[in-house]
Amino acid sequence: MNGLTKTLALASALCLLSGTATAKDVRINCQNSAKCVHYEEMGKSQTDGFIAQCNGGTVTGMSLVCHPVKNMTCTKGKFDPDHEAYTCACTNWSATKKQTATIDVLCPT
C-alpha cells in the first residue's frame, strides 16, 4: 500500500474504533481554470478523502493543497496512481461541531 492509502485506511479504522463517521471520497474536477477552490463541510469526527483532477483527467503539472482549520488535520496532497489523480484526506477531530476544509486544486495553464 502506498502512503495515502495507508493513511486513509488508518483514518477509517480509527473512525470505526472510536464510533465516528466513516470516510467518504469527494471527487473534484477542476475545469478550464488555473485554480479551483472546493469547500467541504465535514461532520463531527468525520474523515473525508479528496480526489482531484484538472480538465477531465490531467494530472501532469498540477498540485493539490488541503487546508485544515483548528481541530482538523489533512494529509499533504500527492499523486495517487491507483486513482490517476491527486489525493489528500482530512479529519475533523471535533466531536462537537461541523467544520469546513478548504481544498485548492492548482492546474497547469
PDB file of N, CA and C in Angstrom:
ATOM      1  N   MET A   1       0.837  -1.179   0.000  1.00  0.00           N
ATOM      2  CA  MET A   1       0.000   0.000   0.000  1.00  0.00           C
ATOM      3  C   MET A   1       0.879   1.238   0.000  1.00  0.00           C
ATOM      4  N   ASN A   2       0.457   2.262  -0.769  1.00  0.00           N
ATOM      5  CA  ASN A   2       1.232   3.499  -0.722  1.00  0.00           C
ATOM      6  C   ASN A   2       0.848   4.304   0.511  1.00  0.00           C
ATOM      7  N   GLY A   3       1.548   5.409   0.757  1.00  0.00           N
ATOM      8  CA  GLY A   3       1.351   6.194   1.975  1.00  0.00           C
ATOM      9  C   GLY A   3      -0.053   6.712   2.162  1.00  0.00           C
ATOM     10  N   LEU A   4      -0.662   7.288   1.091  1.00  0.00           N
ATOM     11  CA  LEU A   4      -2.002   7.844   1.243  1.00  0.00           C
ATOM     12  C   LEU A   4      -3.018   6.748   1.511  1.00  0.00           C
ATOM     13  N   THR A   5      -2.883   5.632   0.821  1.00  0.00           N
ATOM     14  CA  THR A   5      -3.810   4.525   1.044  1.00  0.00           C
ATOM     15  C   THR A   5      -3.721   4.049   2.486  1.00  0.00           C
ATOM     16  N   LYS A   6      -2.492   3.968   3.004  1.00  0.00           N
ATOM     17  CA  LYS A   6      -2.308   3.582   4.399  1.00  0.00           C
ATOM     18  C   LYS A   6      -2.952   4.597   5.330  1.00  0.00           C
ATOM     19  N   THR A   7      -2.776   5.897   5.018  1.00  0.00           N
ATOM     20  CA  THR A   7      -3.353   6.948   5.851  1.00  0.00           C
ATOM     21  C   THR A   7      -4.870   6.865   5.859  1.00  0.00           C
ATOM     22  N   LEU A   8      -5.475   6.701   4.663  1.00  0.00           N
ATOM     23  CA  LEU A   8      -6.935   6.585   4.586  1.00  0.00           C
ATOM     24  C   LEU A   8      -7.432   5.349   5.323  1.00  0.00           C
ATOM     25  N   ALA A   9      -6.709   4.234   5.176  1.00  0.00           N
ATOM     26  CA  ALA A   9      -7.107   3.008   5.873  1.00  0.00           C
ATOM     27  C   ALA A   9      -7.008   3.195   7.386  1.00  0.00           C
ATOM     28  N   LEU A  10      -5.931   3.835   7.838  1.00  0.00           N
ATOM     29  CA  LEU A  10      -5.762   4.084   9.270  1.00  0.00           C
ATOM     30  C   LEU A  10      -6.850   5.023   9.785  1.00  0.00           C
ATOM     31  N   ALA A  11      -7.130   6.092   9.033  1.00  0.00           N
ATOM     32  CA  ALA A  11      -8.175   7.032   9.451  1.00  0.00           C
ATOM     33  C   ALA A  11      -9.526   6.335   9.532  1.00  0.00           C
ATOM     34  N   SER A  12      -9.828   5.494   8.553  1.00  0.00           N
ATOM     35  CA  SER A  12     -11.099   4.757   8.569  1.00  0.00           C
ATOM     36  C   SER A  12     -11.166   3.814   9.762  1.00  0.00           C
ATOM     37  N   ALA A  13     -10.053   3.126  10.040  1.00  0.00           N
ATOM     38  CA  ALA A  13     -10.025   2.204  11.181  1.00  0.00           C
ATOM     39  C   ALA A  13     -10.202   2.961  12.487  1.00  0.00           C
ATOM     40  N   LEU A  14      -9.530   4.098  12.621  1.00  0.00           N
ATOM     41  CA  LEU A  14      -9.679   4.906  13.836  1.00  0.00           C
ATOM     42  C   LEU A  14     -11.114   5.391  13.999  1.00  0.00           C
ATOM     43  N   CYS A  15     -11.741   5.763  12.885  1.00  0.00           N
ATOM     44  CA  CYS A  15     -13.134   6.204  12.938  1.00  0.00           C
ATOM     45  C   CYS A  15     -14.041   5.073  13.410  1.00  0.00           C
ATOM     46  N   LEU A  16     -13.816   3.887  12.890  1.00  0.00           N
ATOM     47  CA  LEU A  16     -14.646   2.753  13.287  1.00  0.00           C
ATOM     48  C   LEU A  16     -14.453   2.429  14.764  1.00  0.00           C
ATOM     49  N   LEU A  17     -13.194   2.444  15.204  1.00  0.00           N
ATOM     50  CA  LEU A  17     -12.907   2.129  16.602  1.00  0.00           C
ATOM     51  C   LEU A  17     -13.472   3.173  17.562  1.00  0.00           C
ATOM     52  N   SER A  18     -13.488   4.424  17.128  1.00  0.00           N
ATOM     53  CA  SER A  18     -13.962   5.485  18.013  1.00  0.00           C
ATOM     54  C   SER A  18     -15.449   5.771  17.834  1.00  0.00           C
ATOM     55  N   GLY A  19     -16.092   5.079  16.900  1.00  0.00           N
ATOM     56  CA  GLY A  19     -17.521   5.284  16.682  1.00  0.00           C
ATOM     57  C   GLY A  19     -17.831   6.536  15.887  1.00  0.00           C
ATOM     58  N   THR A  20     -16.851   7.080  15.169  1.00  0.00           N
ATOM     59  CA  THR A  20     -17.069   8.290  14.392  1.00  0.00           C
ATOM     60  C   THR A  20     -17.540   7.937  12.984  1.00  0.00           C
ATOM     61  N   ALA A  21     -17.931   8.963  12.240  1.00  0.00           N
ATOM     62  CA  ALA A  21     -18.394   8.765  10.867  1.00  0.00           C
ATOM     63  C   ALA A  21     -17.254   8.199  10.025  1.00  0.00           C
ATOM     64  N   THR A  22     -17.593   7.340   9.076  1.00  0.00           N
ATOM     65  CA  THR A  22     -16.570   6.739   8.235  1.00  0.00           C
ATOM     66  C   THR A  22     -16.200   7.682   7.098  1.00  0.00           C
ATOM     67  N   ALA A  23     -15.053   7.429   6.506  1.00  0.00           N
ATOM     68  CA  ALA A  23     -14.533   8.267   5.433  1.00  0.00           C
ATOM     69  C   ALA A  23     -15.377   8.132   4.171  1.00  0.00           C
ATOM     70  N   LYS A  24     -15.427   9.224   3.429  1.00  0.00           N
ATOM     71  CA  LYS A  24     -16.043   9.204   2.106  1.00  0.00           C
ATOM     72  C   LYS A  24     -15.064   9.847   1.149  1.00  0.00           C
ATOM     73  N   ASP A  25     -15.164   9.516  -0.126  1.00  0.00           N
ATOM     74  CA  ASP A  25     -14.324  10.120  -1.150  1.00  0.00           C
ATOM     75  C   ASP A  25     -15.104  11.212  -1.859  1.00  0.00           C
ATOM     76  N   VAL A  26     -14.481  12.382  -1.973  1.00  0.00           N
ATOM     77  CA  VAL A  26     -15.078  13.521  -2.663  1.00  0.00           C
ATOM     78  C   VAL A  26     -14.248  13.765  -3.916  1.00  0.00           C
ATOM     79  N   ARG A  27     -14.883  13.684  -5.083  1.00  0.00           N
ATOM     80  CA  ARG A  27     -14.186  13.904  -6.353  1.00  0.00           C
ATOM     81  C   ARG A  27     -14.296  15.379  -6.739  1.00  0.00           C
ATOM     82  N   ILE A  28     -13.157  15.942  -7.135  1.00  0.00           N
ATOM     83  CA  ILE A  28     -13.104  17.339  -7.562  1.00  0.00           C
ATOM     84  C   ILE A  28     -12.488  17.369  -8.955  1.00  0.00           C
ATOM     85  N   ASN A  29     -13.201  17.923  -9.928  1.00  0.00           N
ATOM     86  CA  ASN A  29     -12.681  18.043 -11.283  1.00  0.00           C
ATOM     87  C   ASN A  29     -12.648  19.524 -11.638  1.00  0.00           C
ATOM     88  N   CYS A  30     -11.460  20.078 -11.701  1.00  0.00           N
ATOM     89  CA  CYS A  30     -11.271  21.492 -11.998  1.00  0.00           C
ATOM     90  C   CYS A  30     -11.280  21.671 -13.518  1.00  0.00           C
ATOM     91  N   GLN A  31     -12.287  22.338 -14.040  1.00  0.00           N
ATOM     92  CA  GLN A  31     -12.455  22.510 -15.483  1.00  0.00           C
ATOM     93  C   GLN A  31     -12.094  23.927 -15.924  1.00  0.00           C
ATOM     94  N   ASN A  32     -11.235  24.044 -16.932  1.00  0.00           N
ATOM     95  CA  ASN A  32     -10.932  25.312 -17.606  1.00  0.00           C
ATOM     96  C   ASN A  32     -10.542  26.431 -16.655  1.00  0.00           C
ATOM     97  N   SER A  33      -9.725  26.129 -15.682  1.00  0.00           N
ATOM     98  CA  SER A  33      -9.295  27.130 -14.711  1.00  0.00           C
ATOM     99  C   SER A  33      -7.906  26.765 -14.198  1.00  0.00           C
ATOM    100  N   ALA A  34      -7.125  27.789 -13.835  1.00  0.00           N
ATOM    101  CA  ALA A  34      -5.799  27.533 -13.265  1.00  0.00           C
ATOM    102  C   ALA A  34      -5.905  27.133 -11.801  1.00  0.00           C
ATOM    103  N   LYS A  35      -7.017  27.532 -11.152  1.00  0.00           N
ATOM    104  CA  LYS A  35      -7.196  27.200  -9.743  1.00  0.00           C
ATOM    105  C   LYS A  35      -8.675  27.032  -9.436  1.00  0.00           C
ATOM    106  N   CYS A  36      -8.992  25.956  -8.755  1.00  0.00           N
ATOM    107  CA  CYS A  36     -10.343  25.725  -8.260  1.00  0.00           C
ATOM    108  C   CYS A  36     -10.259  25.598  -6.746  1.00  0.00           C
ATOM    109  N   VAL A  37     -11.224  26.162  -6.058  1.00  0.00           N
ATOM    110  CA  VAL A  37     -11.272  26.051  -4.607  1.00  0.00           C
ATOM    111  C   VAL A  37     -12.553  25.304  -4.251  1.00  0.00           C
ATOM    112  N   HIS A  38     -12.393  24.254  -3.470  1.00  0.00           N
ATOM    113  CA  HIS A  38     -13.533  23.434  -3.045  1.00  0.00           C
ATOM    114  C   HIS A  38     -13.645  23.544  -1.523  1.00  0.00           C
ATOM    115  N   TYR A  39     -14.856  23.803  -1.060  1.00  0.00           N
ATOM    116  CA  TYR A  39     -15.121  23.865   0.385  1.00  0.00           C
ATOM    117  C   TYR A  39     -15.966  22.653   0.750  1.00  0.00           C
ATOM    118  N   GLU A  40     -15.523  21.901   1.740  1.00  0.00           N
ATOM    119  CA  GLU A  40     -16.240  20.702   2.158  1.00  0.00           C
ATOM    120  C   GLU A  40     -16.592  20.804   3.630  1.00  0.00           C
ATOM    121  N   GLU A  41     -17.902  20.880   3.913  1.00  0.00           N
ATOM    122  CA  GLU A  41     -18.328  20.868   5.304  1.00  0.00           C
ATOM    123  C   GLU A  41     -18.233  19.436   5.809  1.00  0.00           C
ATOM    124  N   MET A  42     -17.499  19.276   6.868  1.00  0.00           N
ATOM    125  CA  MET A  42     -17.271  17.952   7.425  1.00  0.00           C
ATOM    126  C   MET A  42     -17.997  17.831   8.749  1.00  0.00           C
ATOM    127  N   GLY A  43     -18.670  16.717   8.918  1.00  0.00           N
ATOM    128  CA  GLY A  43     -19.403  16.460  10.144  1.00  0.00           C
ATOM    129  C   GLY A  43     -18.480  16.246  11.330  1.00  0.00           C
ATOM    130  N   LYS A  44     -19.084  16.173  12.493  1.00  0.00           N
ATOM    131  CA  LYS A  44     -18.334  15.929  13.728  1.00  0.00           C
ATOM    132  C   LYS A  44     -17.580  14.609  13.615  1.00  0.00           C
ATOM    133  N   SER A  45     -16.309  14.625  13.962  1.00  0.00           N
ATOM    134  CA  SER A  45     -15.467  13.420  13.967  1.00  0.00           C
ATOM    135  C   SER A  45     -15.524  12.664  12.644  1.00  0.00           C
ATOM    136  N   GLN A  46     -15.457  13.387  11.540  1.00  0.00           N
ATOM    137  CA  GLN A  46     -15.585  12.791  10.206  1.00  0.00           C
ATOM    138  C   GLN A  46     -14.271  12.889   9.443  1.00  0.00           C
ATOM    139  N   THR A  47     -13.986  11.883   8.629  1.00  0.00           N
ATOM    140  CA  THR A  47     -12.832  11.871   7.738  1.00  0.00           C
ATOM    141  C   THR A  47     -13.331  11.791   6.302  1.00  0.00           C
ATOM    142  N   ASP A  48     -12.782  12.649   5.443  1.00  0.00           N
ATOM    143  CA  ASP A  48     -13.108  12.625   4.017  1.00  0.00           C
ATOM    144  C   ASP A  48     -11.816  12.545   3.220  1.00  0.00           C
ATOM    145  N   GLY A  49     -11.870  11.811   2.116  1.00  0.00           N
ATOM    146  CA  GLY A  49     -10.763  11.772   1.169  1.00  0.00           C
ATOM    147  C   GLY A  49     -11.133  12.631  -0.022  1.00  0.00           C
ATOM    148  N   PHE A  50     -10.167  13.293  -0.624  1.00  0.00           N
ATOM    149  CA  PHE A  50     -10.406  14.160  -1.774  1.00  0.00           C
ATOM    150  C   PHE A  50      -9.580  13.668  -2.943  1.00  0.00           C
ATOM    151  N   ILE A  51     -10.221  13.512  -4.108  1.00  0.00           N
ATOM    152  CA  ILE A  51      -9.586  13.009  -5.314  1.00  0.00           C
ATOM    153  C   ILE A  51      -9.771  14.081  -6.383  1.00  0.00           C
ATOM    154  N   ALA A  52      -8.658  14.663  -6.866  1.00  0.00           N
ATOM    155  CA  ALA A  52      -8.750  15.810  -7.768  1.00  0.00           C
ATOM    156  C   ALA A  52      -8.016  15.583  -9.079  1.00  0.00           C
ATOM    157  N   GLN A  53      -8.626  16.116 -10.158  1.00  0.00           N
ATOM    158  CA  GLN A  53      -8.025  16.132 -11.485  1.00  0.00           C
ATOM    159  C   GLN A  53      -8.322  17.487 -12.119  1.00  0.00           C
ATOM    160  N   CYS A  54      -7.563  17.798 -13.163  1.00  0.00           N
ATOM    161  CA  CYS A  54      -7.791  19.024 -13.930  1.00  0.00           C
ATOM    162  C   CYS A  54      -8.317  18.663 -15.312  1.00  0.00           C
ATOM    163  N   ASN A  55      -9.258  19.441 -15.801  1.00  0.00           N
ATOM    164  CA  ASN A  55      -9.758  19.316 -17.177  1.00  0.00           C
ATOM    165  C   ASN A  55     -10.010  17.881 -17.619  1.00  0.00           C
ATOM    166  N   GLY A  56     -10.769  17.152 -16.827  1.00  0.00           N
ATOM    167  CA  GLY A  56     -11.203  15.817 -17.200  1.00  0.00           C
ATOM    168  C   GLY A  56     -10.143  14.743 -17.125  1.00  0.00           C
ATOM    169  N   GLY A  57      -9.073  14.948 -16.404  1.00  0.00           N
ATOM    170  CA  GLY A  57      -8.117  13.871 -16.237  1.00  0.00           C
ATOM    171  C   GLY A  57      -6.661  14.286 -16.215  1.00  0.00           C
ATOM    172  N   THR A  58      -6.357  15.545 -16.497  1.00  0.00           N
ATOM    173  CA  THR A  58      -4.970  15.996 -16.495  1.00  0.00           C
ATOM    174  C   THR A  58      -4.406  15.998 -15.083  1.00  0.00           C
ATOM    175  N   VAL A  59      -3.245  15.394 -14.900  1.00  0.00           N
ATOM    176  CA  VAL A  59      -2.576  15.436 -13.605  1.00  0.00           C
ATOM    177  C   VAL A  59      -1.151  15.971 -13.723  1.00  0.00           C
ATOM    178  N   THR A  60      -0.602  15.989 -14.938  1.00  0.00           N
ATOM    179  CA  THR A  60       0.759  16.476 -15.142  1.00  0.00           C
ATOM    180  C   THR A  60       0.824  17.962 -14.833  1.00  0.00           C
ATOM    181  N   GLY A  61       1.719  18.333 -13.939  1.00  0.00           N
ATOM    182  CA  GLY A  61       1.915  19.732 -13.603  1.00  0.00           C
ATOM    183  C   GLY A  61       0.905  20.317 -12.629  1.00  0.00           C
ATOM    184  N   MET A  62       0.034  19.504 -12.084  1.00  0.00           N
ATOM    185  CA  MET A  62      -0.956  20.019 -11.130  1.00  0.00           C
ATOM    186  C   MET A  62      -0.488  19.790  -9.706  1.00  0.00           C
ATOM    187  N   SER A  63      -1.177  20.430  -8.767  1.00  0.00           N
ATOM    188  CA  SER A  63      -0.928  20.167  -7.352  1.00  0.00           C
ATOM    189  C   SER A  63      -2.224  20.336  -6.575  1.00  0.00           C
ATOM    190  N   LEU A  64      -2.220  19.825  -5.370  1.00  0.00           N
ATOM    191  CA  LEU A  64      -3.402  19.827  -4.515  1.00  0.00           C
ATOM    192  C   LEU A  64      -2.963  20.254  -3.118  1.00  0.00           C
ATOM    193  N   VAL A  65      -3.647  21.258  -2.560  1.00  0.00           N
ATOM    194  CA  VAL A  65      -3.325  21.738  -1.222  1.00  0.00           C
ATOM    195  C   VAL A  65      -4.592  21.658  -0.376  1.00  0.00           C
ATOM    196  N   CYS A  66      -4.518  20.928   0.717  1.00  0.00           N
ATOM    197  CA  CYS A  66      -5.667  20.741   1.604  1.00  0.00           C
ATOM    198  C   CYS A  66      -5.406  21.509   2.885  1.00  0.00           C
ATOM    199  N   HIS A  67      -6.310  22.445   3.204  1.00  0.00           N
ATOM    200  CA  HIS A  67      -6.129  23.354   4.339  1.00  0.00           C
ATOM    201  C   HIS A  67      -7.034  22.958   5.500  1.00  0.00           C
ATOM    202  N   PRO A  68      -6.460  22.541   6.615  1.00  0.00           N
ATOM    203  CA  PRO A  68      -7.266  22.246   7.797  1.00  0.00           C
ATOM    204  C   PRO A  68      -7.547  23.521   8.594  1.00  0.00           C
ATOM    205  N   VAL A  69      -8.513  23.456   9.467  1.00  0.00           N
ATOM    206  CA  VAL A  69      -8.776  24.501  10.452  1.00  0.00           C
ATOM    207  C   VAL A  69      -8.477  23.904  11.824  1.00  0.00           C
ATOM    208  N   LYS A  70      -8.710  24.661  12.880  1.00  0.00           N
ATOM    209  CA  LYS A  70      -8.444  24.179  14.230  1.00  0.00           C
ATOM    210  C   LYS A  70      -9.206  22.875  14.479  1.00  0.00           C
ATOM    211  N   ASN A  71      -8.579  21.928  15.136  1.00  0.00           N
ATOM    212  CA  ASN A  71      -9.146  20.605  15.441  1.00  0.00           C
ATOM    213  C   ASN A  71      -9.389  19.767  14.191  1.00  0.00           C
ATOM    214  N   MET A  72      -8.592  20.016  13.147  1.00  0.00           N
ATOM    215  CA  MET A  72      -8.686  19.247  11.909  1.00  0.00           C
ATOM    216  C   MET A  72      -7.264  18.986  11.427  1.00  0.00           C
ATOM    217  N   THR A  73      -7.052  17.830  10.818  1.00  0.00           N
ATOM    218  CA  THR A  73      -5.776  17.528  10.183  1.00  0.00           C
ATOM    219  C   THR A  73      -6.028  17.123   8.745  1.00  0.00           C
ATOM    220  N   CYS A  74      -5.047  17.404   7.887  1.00  0.00           N
ATOM    221  CA  CYS A  74      -5.124  16.998   6.483  1.00  0.00           C
ATOM    222  C   CYS A  74      -3.767  16.445   6.063  1.00  0.00           C
ATOM    223  N   THR A  75      -3.797  15.431   5.222  1.00  0.00           N
ATOM    224  CA  THR A  75      -2.562  14.913   4.658  1.00  0.00           C
ATOM    225  C   THR A  75      -2.121  15.831   3.531  1.00  0.00           C
ATOM    226  N   LYS A  76      -0.868  15.740   3.171  1.00  0.00           N
ATOM    227  CA  LYS A  76      -0.326  16.522   2.065  1.00  0.00           C
ATOM    228  C   LYS A  76      -0.853  15.938   0.750  1.00  0.00           C
ATOM    229  N   GLY A  77      -1.252  16.812  -0.176  1.00  0.00           N
ATOM    230  CA  GLY A  77      -1.725  16.348  -1.478  1.00  0.00           C
ATOM    231  C   GLY A  77      -0.597  15.725  -2.274  1.00  0.00           C
ATOM    232  N   LYS A  78      -0.869  14.561  -2.856  1.00  0.00           N
ATOM    233  CA  LYS A  78       0.143  13.901  -3.680  1.00  0.00           C
ATOM    234  C   LYS A  78      -0.533  13.032  -4.736  1.00  0.00           C
ATOM    235  N   PHE A  79       0.258  12.659  -5.742  1.00  0.00           N
ATOM    236  CA  PHE A  79      -0.268  11.837  -6.825  1.00  0.00           C
ATOM    237  C   PHE A  79      -0.527  10.425  -6.330  1.00  0.00           C
ATOM    238  N   ASP A  80      -1.704   9.907  -6.661  1.00  0.00           N
ATOM    239  CA  ASP A  80      -2.087   8.540  -6.303  1.00  0.00           C
ATOM    240  C   ASP A  80      -2.315   7.767  -7.596  1.00  0.00           C
ATOM    241  N   PRO A  81      -1.388   6.872  -7.959  1.00  0.00           N
ATOM    242  CA  PRO A  81      -1.529   6.145  -9.223  1.00  0.00           C
ATOM    243  C   PRO A  81      -2.762   5.240  -9.272  1.00  0.00           C
ATOM    244  N   ASP A  82      -3.266   4.805  -8.139  1.00  0.00           N
ATOM    245  CA  ASP A  82      -4.471   3.970  -8.125  1.00  0.00           C
ATOM    246  C   ASP A  82      -5.687   4.727  -8.652  1.00  0.00           C
ATOM    247  N   HIS A  83      -5.756   6.028  -8.380  1.00  0.00           N
ATOM    248  CA  HIS A  83      -6.871   6.859  -8.841  1.00  0.00           C
ATOM    249  C   HIS A  83      -6.509   7.698 -10.070  1.00  0.00           C
ATOM    250  N   GLU A  84      -5.218   7.682 -10.464  1.00  0.00           N
ATOM    251  CA  GLU A  84      -4.708   8.543 -11.527  1.00  0.00           C
ATOM    252  C   GLU A  84      -5.152   9.978 -11.285  1.00  0.00           C
ATOM    253  N   ALA A  85      -4.941  10.432 -10.048  1.00  0.00           N
ATOM    254  CA  ALA A  85      -5.360  11.765  -9.619  1.00  0.00           C
ATOM    255  C   ALA A  85      -4.519  12.156  -8.406  1.00  0.00           C
ATOM    256  N   TYR A  86      -4.634  13.416  -8.026  1.00  0.00           N
ATOM    257  CA  TYR A  86      -4.018  13.873  -6.785  1.00  0.00           C
ATOM    258  C   TYR A  86      -5.015  13.679  -5.655  1.00  0.00           C
ATOM    259  N   THR A  87      -4.519  13.271  -4.503  1.00  0.00           N
ATOM    260  CA  THR A  87      -5.412  12.975  -3.384  1.00  0.00           C
ATOM    261  C   THR A  87      -4.863  13.526  -2.077  1.00  0.00           C
ATOM    262  N   CYS A  88      -5.761  13.725  -1.134  1.00  0.00           N
ATOM    263  CA  CYS A  88      -5.426  14.050   0.249  1.00  0.00           C
ATOM    264  C   CYS A  88      -6.611  13.592   1.097  1.00  0.00           C
ATOM    265  N   ALA A  89      -6.462  13.643   2.392  1.00  0.00           N
ATOM    266  CA  ALA A  89      -7.551  13.283   3.303  1.00  0.00           C
ATOM    267  C   ALA A  89      -7.540  14.261   4.469  1.00  0.00           C
ATOM    268  N   CYS A  90      -8.732  14.607   4.952  1.00  0.00           N
ATOM    269  CA  CYS A  90      -8.857  15.489   6.111  1.00  0.00           C
ATOM    270  C   CYS A  90      -9.752  14.822   7.152  1.00  0.00           C
ATOM    271  N   THR A  91      -9.411  15.050   8.414  1.00  0.00           N
ATOM    272  CA  THR A  91     -10.213  14.544   9.526  1.00  0.00           C
ATOM    273  C   THR A  91     -10.606  15.704  10.423  1.00  0.00           C
ATOM    274  N   ASN A  92     -11.900  15.827  10.673  1.00  0.00           N
ATOM    275  CA  ASN A  92     -12.409  16.794  11.640  1.00  0.00           C
ATOM    276  C   ASN A  92     -12.442  16.079  12.982  1.00  0.00           C
ATOM    277  N   TRP A  93     -11.542  16.440  13.882  1.00  0.00           N
ATOM    278  CA  TRP A  93     -11.439  15.769  15.176  1.00  0.00           C
ATOM    279  C   TRP A  93     -12.434  16.309  16.198  1.00  0.00           C
ATOM    280  N   SER A  94     -13.126  17.389  15.873  1.00  0.00           N
ATOM    281  CA  SER A  94     -14.090  17.964  16.815  1.00  0.00           C
ATOM    282  C   SER A  94     -15.279  17.030  16.984  1.00  0.00           C
ATOM    283  N   ALA A  95     -15.598  16.722  18.213  1.00  0.00           N
ATOM    284  CA  ALA A  95     -16.762  15.878  18.498  1.00  0.00           C
ATOM    285  C   ALA A  95     -18.007  16.725  18.739  1.00  0.00           C
ATOM    286  N   THR A  96     -17.856  18.055  18.638  1.00  0.00           N
ATOM    287  CA  THR A  96     -18.990  18.925  18.971  1.00  0.00           C
ATOM    288  C   THR A  96     -19.487  19.797  17.829  1.00  0.00           C
ATOM    289  N   LYS A  97     -18.688  19.975  16.752  1.00  0.00           N
ATOM    290  CA  LYS A  97     -19.170  20.854  15.691  1.00  0.00           C
ATOM    291  C   LYS A  97     -18.666  20.443  14.314  1.00  0.00           C
ATOM    292  N   LYS A  98     -19.474  20.808  13.304  1.00  0.00           N
ATOM    293  CA  LYS A  98     -19.068  20.646  11.916  1.00  0.00           C
ATOM    294  C   LYS A  98     -18.037  21.720  11.605  1.00  0.00           C
ATOM    295  N   GLN A  99     -17.143  21.411  10.667  1.00  0.00           N
ATOM    296  CA  GLN A  99     -16.137  22.374  10.244  1.00  0.00           C
ATOM    297  C   GLN A  99     -15.924  22.234   8.744  1.00  0.00           C
ATOM    298  N   THR A 100     -15.346  23.262   8.149  1.00  0.00           N
ATOM    299  CA  THR A 100     -15.154  23.271   6.705  1.00  0.00           C
ATOM    300  C   THR A 100     -13.678  23.219   6.346  1.00  0.00           C
ATOM    301  N   ALA A 101     -13.331  22.240   5.522  1.00  0.00           N
ATOM    302  CA  ALA A 101     -11.976  22.137   4.969  1.00  0.00           C
ATOM    303  C   ALA A 101     -11.967  22.877   3.628  1.00  0.00           C
ATOM    304  N   THR A 102     -10.831  23.484   3.306  1.00  0.00           N
ATOM    305  CA  THR A 102     -10.659  24.151   2.028  1.00  0.00           C
ATOM    306  C   THR A 102      -9.649  23.369   1.208  1.00  0.00           C
ATOM    307  N   ILE A 103     -10.023  23.030  -0.022  1.00  0.00           N
ATOM    308  CA  ILE A 103      -9.180  22.233  -0.903  1.00  0.00           C
ATOM    309  C   ILE A 103      -8.869  23.071  -2.136  1.00  0.00           C
ATOM    310  N   ASP A 104      -7.579  23.355  -2.385  1.00  0.00           N
ATOM    311  CA  ASP A 104      -7.158  24.107  -3.559  1.00  0.00           C
ATOM    312  C   ASP A 104      -6.601  23.140  -4.596  1.00  0.00           C
ATOM    313  N   VAL A 105      -7.176  23.193  -5.798  1.00  0.00           N
ATOM    314  CA  VAL A 105      -6.680  22.405  -6.928  1.00  0.00           C
ATOM    315  C   VAL A 105      -5.990  23.390  -7.868  1.00  0.00           C
ATOM    316  N   LEU A 106      -4.676  23.210  -8.085  1.00  0.00           N
ATOM    317  CA  LEU A 106      -3.908  24.099  -8.933  1.00  0.00           C
ATOM    318  C   LEU A 106      -3.563  23.370 -10.219  1.00  0.00           C
ATOM    319  N   CYS A 107      -4.059  23.870 -11.340  1.00  0.00           N
ATOM    320  CA  CYS A 107      -3.900  23.213 -12.642  1.00  0.00           C
ATOM    321  C   CYS A 107      -2.887  23.940 -13.498  1.00  0.00           C
ATOM    322  N   PRO A 108      -2.208  23.198 -14.377  1.00  0.00           N
ATOM    323  CA  PRO A 108      -1.264  23.834 -15.297  1.00  0.00           C
ATOM    324  C   PRO A 108      -2.030  24.717 -16.282  1.00  0.00           C
ATOM    325  N   THR A 109      -1.397  25.785 -16.703  1.00  0.00           N
ATOM    326  CA  THR A 109      -2.066  26.685 -17.666  1.00  0.00           C
ATOM    327  C   THR A 109      -1.551  26.485 -19.053  1.00  0.00           C
TER     328      THR A 109
END
